[in-house]
C-alpha atoms as a PDB file:
ATOM      1  CA  MET A   1       0.000   0.000   0.000  1.00  0.00           C
ATOM      2  CA  ALA A   2       1.307   3.442  -0.858  1.00  0.00           C
ATOM      3  CA  GLU A   3       2.486   5.425   2.151  1.00  0.00           C
ATOM      4  CA  ARG A   4       0.678   8.628   3.016  1.00  0.00           C
ATOM      5  CA  ALA A   5       2.817  11.757   2.786  1.00  0.00           C
ATOM      6  CA  ASP A   6       1.885  12.877   6.323  1.00  0.00           C
ATOM      7  CA  ASP A   7       2.948   9.503   7.769  1.00  0.00           C
ATOM      8  CA  ARG A   8       6.344   9.800   6.115  1.00  0.00           C
ATOM      9  CA  LEU A   9       6.766  13.390   7.280  1.00  0.00           C
ATOM     10  CA  VAL A  10       6.221  12.331  10.895  1.00  0.00           C
ATOM     11  CA  ARG A  11       8.841   9.590  10.495  1.00  0.00           C
ATOM     12  CA  LEU A  12      11.367  11.937   8.852  1.00  0.00           C
ATOM     13  CA  LEU A  13      11.079  14.411  11.727  1.00  0.00           C
ATOM     14  CA  GLY A  14      11.262  11.517  14.186  1.00  0.00           C
ATOM     15  CA  ILE A  15      14.485  10.227  12.628  1.00  0.00           C
ATOM     16  CA  VAL A  16      16.178  13.600  13.079  1.00  0.00           C
ATOM     17  CA  ALA A  17      15.071  13.864  16.723  1.00  0.00           C
ATOM     18  CA  TYR A  18      16.024  10.248  17.474  1.00  0.00           C
ATOM     19  CA  LEU A  19      19.495  10.529  15.954  1.00  0.00           C
ATOM     20  CA  ASP A  20      20.110  13.835  17.712  1.00  0.00           C
ATOM     21  CA  GLY A  21      19.627  12.106  21.063  1.00  0.00           C
ATOM     22  CA  ALA A  22      20.939   8.621  20.329  1.00  0.00           C
ATOM     23  CA  GLY A  23      24.034   9.447  18.311  1.00  0.00           C
ATOM     24  CA  PRO A  24      25.238   7.141  15.493  1.00  0.00           C
ATOM     25  CA  VAL A  25      22.782   4.268  14.930  1.00  0.00           C
ATOM     26  CA  PRO A  26      23.182   1.238  12.603  1.00  0.00           C
ATOM     27  CA  VAL A  27      20.785   1.247   9.656  1.00  0.00           C
ATOM     28  CA  ASP A  28      19.170  -2.054  10.668  1.00  0.00           C
ATOM     29  CA  GLU A  29      18.559  -0.802  14.220  1.00  0.00           C
ATOM     30  CA  LEU A  30      17.030   2.433  12.913  1.00  0.00           C
ATOM     31  CA  ALA A  31      14.791   0.417  10.583  1.00  0.00           C
ATOM     32  CA  ARG A  32      13.533  -1.740  13.466  1.00  0.00           C
ATOM     33  CA  HIS A  33      12.912   1.298  15.655  1.00  0.00           C
ATOM     34  CA  PHE A  34      10.699   2.984  13.040  1.00  0.00           C
ATOM     35  CA  GLY A  35       9.127  -0.220  11.709  1.00  0.00           C
ATOM     36  CA  VAL A  36      10.323   0.148   8.107  1.00  0.00           C
ATOM     37  CA  SER A  37      12.825  -1.577   5.813  1.00  0.00           C
ATOM     38  CA  GLU A  38      16.526  -0.713   5.684  1.00  0.00           C
ATOM     39  CA  ARG A  39      15.987   0.489   2.100  1.00  0.00           C
ATOM     40  CA  GLN A  40      13.293   2.878   3.351  1.00  0.00           C
ATOM     41  CA  VAL A  41      15.644   4.245   6.032  1.00  0.00           C
ATOM     42  CA  LEU A  42      18.271   5.017   3.392  1.00  0.00           C
ATOM     43  CA  ASP A  43      15.627   6.658   1.189  1.00  0.00           C
ATOM     44  CA  ASP A  44      14.543   8.769   4.179  1.00  0.00           C
ATOM     45  CA  VAL A  45      18.141   9.829   4.837  1.00  0.00           C
ATOM     46  CA  ASP A  46      18.478  10.821   1.164  1.00  0.00           C
ATOM     47  CA  ALA A  47      15.314  12.948   1.492  1.00  0.00           C
ATOM     48  CA  LEU A  48      16.546  14.588   4.688  1.00  0.00           C
ATOM     49  CA  TRP A  49      19.916  15.275   3.107  1.00  0.00           C
ATOM     50  CA  VAL A  50      18.267  17.765   0.724  1.00  0.00           C
ATOM     51  CA  SER A  51      15.953  19.246   3.391  1.00  0.00           C
ATOM     52  CA  GLY A  52      16.570  22.101   5.767  1.00  0.00           C
ATOM     53  CA  THR A  53      15.746  25.680   6.637  1.00  0.00           C
ATOM     54  CA  PRO A  54      14.700  28.405   4.158  1.00  0.00           C
ATOM     55  CA  GLY A  55      17.491  29.426   1.858  1.00  0.00           C
ATOM     56  CA  TYR A  56      18.391  25.816   1.063  1.00  0.00           C
ATOM     57  CA  TRP A  57      22.063  26.568   0.488  1.00  0.00           C
ATOM     58  CA  PRO A  58      24.493  23.834   1.601  1.00  0.00           C
ATOM     59  CA  ASP A  59      24.851  25.464   5.031  1.00  0.00           C
ATOM     60  CA  ASP A  60      21.055  25.435   5.466  1.00  0.00           C
ATOM     61  CA  LEU A  61      20.592  21.679   4.913  1.00  0.00           C
ATOM     62  CA  ILE A  62      20.406  18.778   7.359  1.00  0.00           C
ATOM     63  CA  ASP A  63      23.654  16.841   7.120  1.00  0.00           C
ATOM     64  CA  PHE A  64      24.908  13.307   7.767  1.00  0.00           C
ATOM     65  CA  ASP A  65      28.343  11.712   7.796  1.00  0.00           C
ATOM     66  CA  ALA A  66      28.700  10.089   4.368  1.00  0.00           C
ATOM     67  CA  ASP A  67      31.502   7.737   5.461  1.00  0.00           C
ATOM     68  CA  SER A  68      29.321   6.357   8.247  1.00  0.00           C
ATOM     69  CA  ILE A  69      26.504   5.689   5.788  1.00  0.00           C
ATOM     70  CA  GLU A  70      28.914   3.638   3.663  1.00  0.00           C
ATOM     71  CA  ARG A  71      29.635   1.514   6.767  1.00  0.00           C
ATOM     72  CA  GLY A  72      25.911   0.970   7.468  1.00  0.00           C
ATOM     73  CA  VAL A  73      25.649   3.519  10.272  1.00  0.00           C
ATOM     74  CA  VAL A  74      23.585   6.732  10.254  1.00  0.00           C
ATOM     75  CA  ARG A  75      25.284   9.638  12.035  1.00  0.00           C
ATOM     76  CA  LEU A  76      23.578  13.032  12.098  1.00  0.00           C
ATOM     77  CA  THR A  77      26.111  15.860  11.930  1.00  0.00           C
ATOM     78  CA  GLU A  78      23.797  18.877  11.576  1.00  0.00           C
ATOM     79  CA  ALA A  79      20.110  19.048  12.563  1.00  0.00           C
ATOM     80  CA  ARG A  80      19.707  22.706  11.440  1.00  0.00           C
ATOM     81  CA  GLY A  81      17.592  23.533  14.465  1.00  0.00           C
ATOM     82  CA  MET A  82      15.020  20.793  13.836  1.00  0.00           C
ATOM     83  CA  THR A  83      15.428  19.569  17.432  1.00  0.00           C
ATOM     84  CA  ARG A  84      15.274  22.941  19.179  1.00  0.00           C
ATOM     85  CA  PRO A  85      12.267  23.564  21.473  1.00  0.00           C
ATOM     86  CA  LEU A  86       9.373  24.937  19.438  1.00  0.00           C
ATOM     87  CA  ARG A  87       8.361  28.560  20.095  1.00  0.00           C
ATOM     88  CA  LEU A  88       4.672  29.084  19.353  1.00  0.00           C
ATOM     89  CA  GLY A  89       2.845  32.276  18.534  1.00  0.00           C
ATOM     90  CA  THR A  90      -0.511  32.965  20.180  1.00  0.00           C
ATOM     91  CA  ARG A  91      -2.540  31.812  17.172  1.00  0.00           C
ATOM     92  CA  GLU A  92      -0.526  28.578  16.899  1.00  0.00           C
ATOM     93  CA  ALA A  93      -0.880  27.884  20.624  1.00  0.00           C
ATOM     94  CA  VAL A  94      -4.647  28.467  20.533  1.00  0.00           C
ATOM     95  CA  ALA A  95      -4.954  26.099  17.563  1.00  0.00           C
ATOM     96  CA  LEU A  96      -3.084  23.404  19.513  1.00  0.00           C
ATOM     97  CA  VAL A  97      -5.252  23.955  22.594  1.00  0.00           C
ATOM     98  CA  ALA A  98      -8.356  23.484  20.439  1.00  0.00           C
ATOM     99  CA  ALA A  99      -6.932  20.301  18.891  1.00  0.00           C
ATOM    100  CA  LEU A 100      -5.992  18.850  22.293  1.00  0.00           C
ATOM    101  CA  ARG A 101      -9.408  19.624  23.758  1.00  0.00           C
ATOM    102  CA  ALA A 102     -11.019  17.890  20.789  1.00  0.00           C
ATOM    103  CA  MET A 103      -8.635  14.930  21.170  1.00  0.00           C
ATOM    104  CA  ARG A 104      -9.511  14.650  24.860  1.00  0.00           C
ATOM    105  CA  GLU A 105     -13.145  13.964  23.897  1.00  0.00           C
ATOM    106  CA  THR A 106     -12.383  11.094  21.525  1.00  0.00           C
ATOM    107  CA  ALA A 107     -13.207   7.534  22.532  1.00  0.00           C
ATOM    108  CA  ALA A 108      -9.646   6.362  21.907  1.00  0.00           C
ATOM    109  CA  VAL A 109      -8.287   8.798  24.497  1.00  0.00           C
ATOM    110  CA  GLN A 110     -11.063   8.433  27.054  1.00  0.00           C
ATOM    111  CA  ALA A 111     -10.704   4.640  27.068  1.00  0.00           C
ATOM    112  CA  ASP A 112      -6.933   4.685  27.688  1.00  0.00           C
ATOM    113  CA  PRO A 113      -5.770   6.221  31.000  1.00  0.00           C
ATOM    114  CA  GLY A 114      -2.219   6.519  29.667  1.00  0.00           C
ATOM    115  CA  ARG A 115      -3.280   8.481  26.605  1.00  0.00           C
ATOM    116  CA  ALA A 116      -5.679  10.589  28.642  1.00  0.00           C
ATOM    117  CA  GLY A 117      -2.918  11.483  31.084  1.00  0.00           C
ATOM    118  CA  VAL A 118      -0.549  12.586  28.316  1.00  0.00           C
ATOM    119  CA  VAL A 119      -3.236  14.719  26.648  1.00  0.00           C
ATOM    120  CA  GLU A 120      -4.273  16.308  29.955  1.00  0.00           C
ATOM    121  CA  SER A 121      -0.666  17.097  30.881  1.00  0.00           C
ATOM    122  CA  ALA A 122       0.098  18.700  27.524  1.00  0.00           C
ATOM    123  CA  LEU A 123      -3.190  20.601  27.544  1.00  0.00           C
ATOM    124  CA  ARG A 124      -2.640  21.931  31.054  1.00  0.00           C
ATOM    125  CA  LYS A 125       0.871  23.204  30.292  1.00  0.00           C
ATOM    126  CA  LEU A 126      -0.162  24.748  26.982  1.00  0.00           C
ATOM    127  CA  THR A 127      -3.257  26.384  28.489  1.00  0.00           C
ATOM    128  CA  ASP A 128      -1.205  27.909  31.301  1.00  0.00           C
ATOM    129  CA  ALA A 129       1.337  29.258  28.821  1.00  0.00           C
ATOM    130  CA  THR A 130      -1.326  30.678  26.494  1.00  0.00           C
ATOM    131  CA  GLY A 131      -3.275  32.497  29.198  1.00  0.00           C
ATOM    132  CA  GLU A 132      -6.433  34.462  28.430  1.00  0.00           C
ATOM    133  CA  ALA A 133      -6.552  33.439  24.769  1.00  0.00           C
ATOM    134  CA  ALA A 134      -6.959  29.785  25.766  1.00  0.00           C
ATOM    135  CA  ALA A 135      -9.513  30.660  28.470  1.00  0.00           C
ATOM    136  CA  ALA A 136     -11.737  32.278  25.852  1.00  0.00           C
ATOM    137  CA  LEU A 137     -11.655  29.162  23.653  1.00  0.00           C
ATOM    138  CA  ASP A 138     -14.604  26.772  23.831  1.00  0.00           C
ATOM    139  CA  VAL A 139     -14.374  23.443  21.997  1.00  0.00           C
ATOM    140  CA  ARG A 140     -17.257  20.991  22.058  1.00  0.00           C
ATOM    141  CA  LEU A 141     -16.778  17.737  20.164  1.00  0.00           C
ATOM    142  CA  ALA A 142     -19.609  15.269  19.848  1.00  0.00           C
ATOM    143  CA  PRO A 143     -18.138  11.770  20.225  1.00  0.00           C
ATOM    144  CA  GLU A 144     -18.465   9.569  17.166  1.00  0.00           C
ATOM    145  CA  GLY A 145     -21.200   6.982  17.461  1.00  0.00           C
ATOM    146  CA  ASP A 146     -23.894   6.412  20.068  1.00  0.00           C
ATOM    147  CA  PRO A 147     -22.655   7.817  23.425  1.00  0.00           C
ATOM    148  CA  ARG A 148     -23.980   4.688  25.178  1.00  0.00           C
ATOM    149  CA  VAL A 149     -21.920   2.514  22.838  1.00  0.00           C
ATOM    150  CA  VAL A 150     -18.801   4.600  23.418  1.00  0.00           C
ATOM    151  CA  ALA A 151     -19.357   4.410  27.190  1.00  0.00           C
ATOM    152  CA  ALA A 152     -19.799   0.618  27.111  1.00  0.00           C
ATOM    153  CA  ILE A 153     -16.661   0.131  25.021  1.00  0.00           C
ATOM    154  CA  SER A 154     -14.624   2.436  27.260  1.00  0.00           C
ATOM    155  CA  SER A 155     -15.855   0.691  30.405  1.00  0.00           C
ATOM    156  CA  ALA A 156     -15.153  -2.792  29.008  1.00  0.00           C
ATOM    157  CA  LEU A 157     -11.640  -1.781  27.977  1.00  0.00           C
ATOM    158  CA  ALA A 158     -10.896  -0.342  31.409  1.00  0.00           C
ATOM    159  CA  ALA A 159     -12.298  -3.373  33.243  1.00  0.00           C
ATOM    160  CA  GLY A 160     -10.991  -6.027  30.848  1.00  0.00           C
ATOM    161  CA  HIS A 161     -14.481  -7.373  30.120  1.00  0.00           C
ATOM    162  CA  ARG A 162     -16.001  -8.979  27.036  1.00  0.00           C
ATOM    163  CA  LEU A 163     -18.513  -7.075  24.896  1.00  0.00           C
ATOM    164  CA  ARG A 164     -21.605  -8.136  22.979  1.00  0.00           C
ATOM    165  CA  ILE A 165     -22.008  -5.802  19.999  1.00  0.00           C
ATOM    166  CA  ARG A 166     -24.527  -5.373  17.212  1.00  0.00           C
ATOM    167  CA  TYR A 167     -22.564  -4.257  14.176  1.00  0.00           C
ATOM    168  CA  VAL A 168     -23.436  -3.148  10.637  1.00  0.00           C
ATOM    169  CA  THR A 169     -20.851  -3.289   7.846  1.00  0.00           C
ATOM    170  CA  ALA A 170     -20.293  -0.812   5.016  1.00  0.00           C
ATOM    171  CA  VAL A 171     -22.616  -2.913   2.831  1.00  0.00           C
ATOM    172  CA  ASP A 172     -25.411  -2.871   5.476  1.00  0.00           C
ATOM    173  CA  GLU A 173     -24.919  -6.434   6.726  1.00  0.00           C
ATOM    174  CA  GLU A 174     -25.902  -6.617  10.397  1.00  0.00           C
ATOM    175  CA  SER A 175     -24.554  -9.154  12.883  1.00  0.00           C
ATOM    176  CA  VAL A 176     -24.298  -9.788  16.628  1.00  0.00           C
ATOM    177  CA  ARG A 177     -20.868 -10.729  17.962  1.00  0.00           C
ATOM    178  CA  GLU A 178     -19.100 -11.292  21.248  1.00  0.00           C
ATOM    179  CA  VAL A 179     -15.671  -9.690  21.241  1.00  0.00           C
ATOM    180  CA  ASP A 180     -12.745  -9.270  23.614  1.00  0.00           C
ATOM    181  CA  PRO A 181     -11.790  -5.570  23.232  1.00  0.00           C
ATOM    182  CA  VAL A 182      -8.082  -4.814  22.882  1.00  0.00           C
ATOM    183  CA  SER A 183      -7.776  -1.088  22.151  1.00  0.00           C
ATOM    184  CA  LEU A 184      -9.337   1.939  20.475  1.00  0.00           C
ATOM    185  CA  HIS A 185      -7.646   3.760  17.617  1.00  0.00           C
ATOM    186  CA  THR A 186      -8.411   6.804  15.508  1.00  0.00           C
ATOM    187  CA  GLN A 187      -7.749   7.284  11.800  1.00  0.00           C
ATOM    188  CA  ASP A 188      -8.799  10.475  10.039  1.00  0.00           C
ATOM    189  CA  GLU A 189     -12.262  11.302  11.446  1.00  0.00           C
ATOM    190  CA  HIS A 190     -13.183   7.783  12.619  1.00  0.00           C
ATOM    191  CA  ALA A 191     -12.623   5.704  15.760  1.00  0.00           C
ATOM    192  CA  TYR A 192     -11.986   1.950  15.519  1.00  0.00           C
ATOM    193  CA  LEU A 193     -12.250  -0.839  18.080  1.00  0.00           C
ATOM    194  CA  LEU A 194      -9.556  -3.499  17.778  1.00  0.00           C
ATOM    195  CA  ALA A 195     -10.835  -6.771  19.268  1.00  0.00           C
ATOM    196  CA  TRP A 196     -10.732 -10.553  19.192  1.00  0.00           C
ATOM    197  CA  CYS A 197     -14.008 -11.714  17.626  1.00  0.00           C
ATOM    198  CA  HIS A 198     -15.311 -15.024  19.016  1.00  0.00           C
ATOM    199  CA  ARG A 199     -17.655 -15.496  16.059  1.00  0.00           C
ATOM    200  CA  SER A 200     -14.830 -15.168  13.504  1.00  0.00           C
ATOM    201  CA  GLN A 201     -12.216 -16.685  15.830  1.00  0.00           C
ATOM    202  CA  GLY A 202      -9.786 -13.978  14.835  1.00  0.00           C
ATOM    203  CA  ARG A 203      -8.622 -10.403  15.176  1.00  0.00           C
ATOM    204  CA  ARG A 204     -11.114  -7.851  13.813  1.00  0.00           C
ATOM    205  CA  THR A 205     -11.418  -4.058  13.610  1.00  0.00           C
ATOM    206  CA  PHE A 206     -14.840  -2.416  14.049  1.00  0.00           C
ATOM    207  CA  ARG A 207     -15.669   1.191  13.206  1.00  0.00           C
ATOM    208  CA  VAL A 208     -17.273   2.659  16.319  1.00  0.00           C
ATOM    209  CA  ASP A 209     -20.000   4.618  14.518  1.00  0.00           C
ATOM    210  CA  ARG A 210     -21.166   1.336  12.947  1.00  0.00           C
ATOM    211  CA  VAL A 211     -21.649  -0.348  16.327  1.00  0.00           C
ATOM    212  CA  LEU A 212     -25.411  -0.086  16.834  1.00  0.00           C
ATOM    213  CA  ASP A 213     -25.411  -1.459  20.363  1.00  0.00           C
ATOM    214  CA  ALA A 214     -22.809  -2.598  22.889  1.00  0.00           C
ATOM    215  CA  VAL A 215     -23.305  -4.457  26.179  1.00  0.00           C
ATOM    216  CA  GLU A 216     -20.497  -5.029  28.664  1.00  0.00           C
ATOM    217  CA  LEU A 217     -20.571  -8.647  29.843  1.00  0.00           C
ATOM    218  CA  GLY A 218     -19.346  -9.850  33.216  1.00  0.00           C
ATOM    219  CA  VAL A 219     -16.829 -12.140  31.544  1.00  0.00           C
ATOM    220  CA  PRO A 220     -13.082 -11.385  31.651  1.00  0.00           C
ATOM    221  CA  VAL A 221     -11.353 -11.122  28.276  1.00  0.00           C
ATOM    222  CA  GLU A 222      -9.184 -14.074  27.275  1.00  0.00           C
ATOM    223  CA  GLY A 223      -5.464 -13.856  26.595  1.00  0.00           C
ATOM    224  CA  HIS A 224      -5.353 -13.743  22.791  1.00  0.00           C
ATOM    225  CA  ASP A 225      -2.197 -13.121  20.783  1.00  0.00           C
ATOM    226  CA  VAL A 226      -3.464 -10.002  18.990  1.00  0.00           C
ATOM    227  CA  ASP A 227      -1.165  -7.791  16.923  1.00  0.00           C
ATOM    228  CA  PRO A 228      -1.742  -4.287  18.369  1.00  0.00           C
ATOM    229  CA  ASP A 229      -1.019  -2.552  15.050  1.00  0.00           C
ATOM    230  CA  VAL A 230      -4.141  -1.640  13.116  1.00  0.00           C
ATOM    231  CA  ASP A 231      -4.290  -1.796   9.316  1.00  0.00           C
ATOM    232  CA  PHE A 232      -7.164   0.383   8.118  1.00  0.00           C
ATOM    233  CA  ALA A 233      -6.879  -0.896   4.533  1.00  0.00           C
ATOM    234  CA  PRO A 234      -9.689  -3.071   3.114  1.00  0.00           C
ATOM    235  CA  ALA A 235      -9.483  -6.814   3.667  1.00  0.00           C
ATOM    236  CA  GLY A 236      -7.125  -8.778   1.455  1.00  0.00           C
ATOM    237  CA  ASP A 237      -9.901 -10.930  -0.028  1.00  0.00           C
ATOM    238  CA  ALA A 238     -11.824  -7.915  -1.393  1.00  0.00           C
ATOM    239  CA  PRO A 239     -11.929  -7.531  -5.216  1.00  0.00           C
ATOM    240  CA  THR A 240      -9.437  -5.157  -6.803  1.00  0.00           C
ATOM    241  CA  ALA A 241      -9.880  -2.303  -9.270  1.00  0.00           C
ATOM    242  CA  THR A 242      -7.209  -0.592 -11.354  1.00  0.00           C
ATOM    243  CA  ILE A 243      -7.788   3.062 -12.224  1.00  0.00           C
ATOM    244  CA  VAL A 244      -5.693   5.393 -14.400  1.00  0.00           C
ATOM    245  CA  LEU A 245      -6.139   9.067 -13.524  1.00  0.00           C
ATOM    246  CA  ALA A 246      -4.834  12.316 -14.956  1.00  0.00           C
ATOM    247  CA  SER A 247      -2.259  14.223 -12.941  1.00  0.00           C
ATOM    248  CA  PRO A 248      -4.723  16.786 -11.410  1.00  0.00           C
ATOM    249  CA  ALA A 249      -6.348  13.923  -9.462  1.00  0.00           C
ATOM    250  CA  ARG A 250      -3.089  13.064  -7.670  1.00  0.00           C
ATOM    251  CA  ALA A 251      -4.756  13.629  -4.277  1.00  0.00           C
ATOM    252  CA  VAL A 252      -6.612  10.327  -4.727  1.00  0.00           C
ATOM    253  CA  ALA A 253      -3.370   8.438  -4.061  1.00  0.00           C
ATOM    254  CA  GLU A 254      -3.018  10.307  -0.742  1.00  0.00           C
ATOM    255  CA  GLN A 255      -6.637  10.260   0.422  1.00  0.00           C
ATOM    256  CA  VAL A 256      -7.673   6.707  -0.483  1.00  0.00           C
ATOM    257  CA  PRO A 257      -6.112   3.458   0.877  1.00  0.00           C
ATOM    258  CA  VAL A 258      -4.467   1.981  -2.232  1.00  0.00           C
ATOM    259  CA  GLU A 259      -2.488  -1.185  -2.875  1.00  0.00           C
ATOM    260  CA  SER A 260      -0.039   0.477  -5.250  1.00  0.00           C
ATOM    261  CA  VAL A 261       0.634   3.653  -7.224  1.00  0.00           C
ATOM    262  CA  ARG A 262       2.485   3.708 -10.559  1.00  0.00           C
ATOM    263  CA  ASP A 263       3.487   6.860 -12.421  1.00  0.00           C
ATOM    264  CA  LEU A 264       3.024   6.701 -16.191  1.00  0.00           C
ATOM    265  CA  PRO A 265       5.211   8.376 -18.865  1.00  0.00           C
ATOM    266  CA  ASP A 266       2.513  10.853 -19.943  1.00  0.00           C
ATOM    267  CA  GLY A 267       2.129  12.315 -16.436  1.00  0.00           C
ATOM    268  CA  SER A 268      -0.928  10.286 -15.494  1.00  0.00           C
ATOM    269  CA  PHE A 269      -0.782   7.635 -12.770  1.00  0.00           C
ATOM    270  CA  GLU A 270      -2.306   4.247 -12.022  1.00  0.00           C
ATOM    271  CA  VAL A 271      -3.728   3.184  -8.666  1.00  0.00           C
ATOM    272  CA  ARG A 272      -4.711  -0.327  -7.657  1.00  0.00           C
ATOM    273  CA  LEU A 273      -7.138  -0.623  -4.755  1.00  0.00           C
ATOM    274  CA  ARG A 274      -9.346  -3.145  -3.032  1.00  0.00           C
ATOM    275  CA  VAL A 275     -13.083  -2.553  -3.011  1.00  0.00           C
ATOM    276  CA  THR A 276     -15.242  -3.623  -0.087  1.00  0.00           C
ATOM    277  CA  ASN A 277     -18.096  -1.283  -1.028  1.00  0.00           C
ATOM    278  CA  PRO A 278     -18.961  -0.819  -4.738  1.00  0.00           C
ATOM    279  CA  VAL A 279     -21.128   2.221  -3.893  1.00  0.00           C
ATOM    280  CA  TRP A 280     -18.073   3.974  -2.415  1.00  0.00           C
ATOM    281  CA  LEU A 281     -16.007   3.306  -5.556  1.00  0.00           C
ATOM    282  CA  ARG A 282     -18.840   4.511  -7.782  1.00  0.00           C
ATOM    283  CA  ARG A 283     -19.012   7.802  -5.873  1.00  0.00           C
ATOM    284  CA  LEU A 284     -15.240   8.222  -6.080  1.00  0.00           C
ATOM    285  CA  LEU A 285     -15.221   7.739  -9.850  1.00  0.00           C
ATOM    286  CA  LEU A 286     -18.188  10.045 -10.418  1.00  0.00           C
ATOM    287  CA  ALA A 287     -16.570  12.779  -8.315  1.00  0.00           C
ATOM    288  CA  ARG A 288     -13.303  12.471 -10.270  1.00  0.00           C
ATOM    289  CA  ALA A 289     -14.926  11.738 -13.639  1.00  0.00           C
ATOM    290  CA  PRO A 290     -13.115  14.495 -15.643  1.00  0.00           C
ATOM    291  CA  HIS A 291      -9.760  12.972 -14.666  1.00  0.00           C
ATOM    292  CA  VAL A 292     -10.588   9.240 -14.973  1.00  0.00           C
ATOM    293  CA  LEU A 293      -8.784   7.844 -18.034  1.00  0.00           C
ATOM    294  CA  SER A 294      -9.474   4.123 -17.675  1.00  0.00           C
ATOM    295  CA  VAL A 295     -10.993   1.631 -15.229  1.00  0.00           C
ATOM    296  CA  GLU A 296     -10.595  -2.109 -14.862  1.00  0.00           C
ATOM    297  CA  PRO A 297     -12.430  -4.408 -14.579  1.00  0.00           C
ATOM    298  CA  ALA A 298     -14.845  -3.280 -17.285  1.00  0.00           C
ATOM    299  CA  SER A 299     -17.831  -4.114 -15.048  1.00  0.00           C
ATOM    300  CA  VAL A 300     -16.877  -1.244 -12.731  1.00  0.00           C
ATOM    301  CA  ALA A 301     -16.746   1.228 -15.618  1.00  0.00           C
ATOM    302  CA  ASP A 302     -20.081  -0.078 -16.946  1.00  0.00           C
ATOM    303  CA  ASP A 303     -21.700   0.360 -13.515  1.00  0.00           C
ATOM    304  CA  VAL A 304     -20.528   3.976 -13.210  1.00  0.00           C
ATOM    305  CA  ARG A 305     -21.566   4.721 -16.805  1.00  0.00           C
ATOM    306  CA  GLU A 306     -25.118   3.456 -16.165  1.00  0.00           C
ATOM    307  CA  VAL A 307     -25.461   5.535 -12.985  1.00  0.00           C
ATOM    308  CA  ALA A 308     -24.258   8.660 -14.810  1.00  0.00           C
ATOM    309  CA  ARG A 309     -26.695   8.059 -17.679  1.00  0.00           C
ATOM    310  CA  ALA A 310     -29.568   7.600 -15.223  1.00  0.00           C
ATOM    311  CA  ALA A 311     -28.673  10.879 -13.509  1.00  0.00           C
ATOM    312  CA  LEU A 312     -28.566  12.746 -16.832  1.00  0.00           C
ATOM    313  CA  ALA A 313     -31.874  11.186 -17.869  1.00  0.00           C
ATOM    314  CA  ALA A 314     -33.472  12.438 -14.647  1.00  0.00           C
ATOM    315  CA  TYR A 315     -32.402  15.985 -15.528  1.00  0.00           C
ATOM    316  CA  ALA A 316     -33.827  15.575 -19.034  1.00  0.00           C
ATOM    317  CA  ASP A 317     -37.302  15.025 -17.560  1.00  0.00           C
ATOM    318  CA  LEU A 318     -37.307  18.413 -15.833  1.00  0.00           C
ATOM    319  CA  PRO A 319     -39.426  21.206 -17.390  1.00  0.00           C
ATOM    320  CA  ALA A 320     -37.387  23.497 -19.629  1.00  0.00           C
ATOM    321  CA  ASP A 321     -38.990  26.669 -18.239  1.00  0.00           C
ATOM    322  CA  LEU A 322     -37.924  26.319 -14.582  1.00  0.00           C
ATOM    323  CA  PRO A 323     -37.183  29.745 -13.018  1.00  0.00           C
ATOM    324  CA  ASP A 324     -33.575  30.553 -12.205  1.00  0.00           C
ATOM    325  CA  ALA A 325     -32.544  29.951  -8.616  1.00  0.00           C
END
């Protein structure tokens, strides 16, 4: 799956901060620490080598010891101020206070005492430093999903109890499951429950706003070997679609979970993605229609074409003398 640009940016900044404190680090150790391949670490170092502060002359760029790289060790020689304490203006501080207050209300934070403590500590220090501007700020965030569901999930996670949930999938298939909750995560605007599902006998991820009902059971969770990392990409057994788009639609590769991205000689690009919900793909293609150059399989293109024709036909039935809006 293609990596999101914001995920890579966080890792690049993290590499600089980590090396500044740890000193020279072998490439393989750095790769393990950041959960990427050794090749990716070297690509990240190459990207950082041409990054720096405005001006971008040689003396403005982040620098590494080239000889150490040849020996398989990454040694940062110049961070160009990337690790200095950040000095915020009032507007920046207020924006961070608002973001932290919103984060504090999310289910993923409320269900994890460790996360909640970190957020509260950062918010308290930032609010004190910002003063009256922060006091005048009021942020109210409605939690995603039914508040009773969020409360039941949070309580079960804290107590280590099993849950009975009624869940509806993206294609409106409803089921009742008993799950052992593991953790809550957020991705973009959604919250996800990572759990061991007794019905499926495996690890599953449930979007919280699709949990219609949740009941905390008086049964302790079992000790399952569950990978804590959450992959928000569609399941591997979902059908695939291959789409070629013109360059102006490049944001699709960043905004949509894709299996692969391939740049083409004429400036267009090809994305391959898995489709768990045909309605979602249809909407994506209709929204980007001016930039869609080809779609495979042909059945997907035919489906979108029929929907577009039906929409145009509906407009054709309107009276020609409608008043202007």
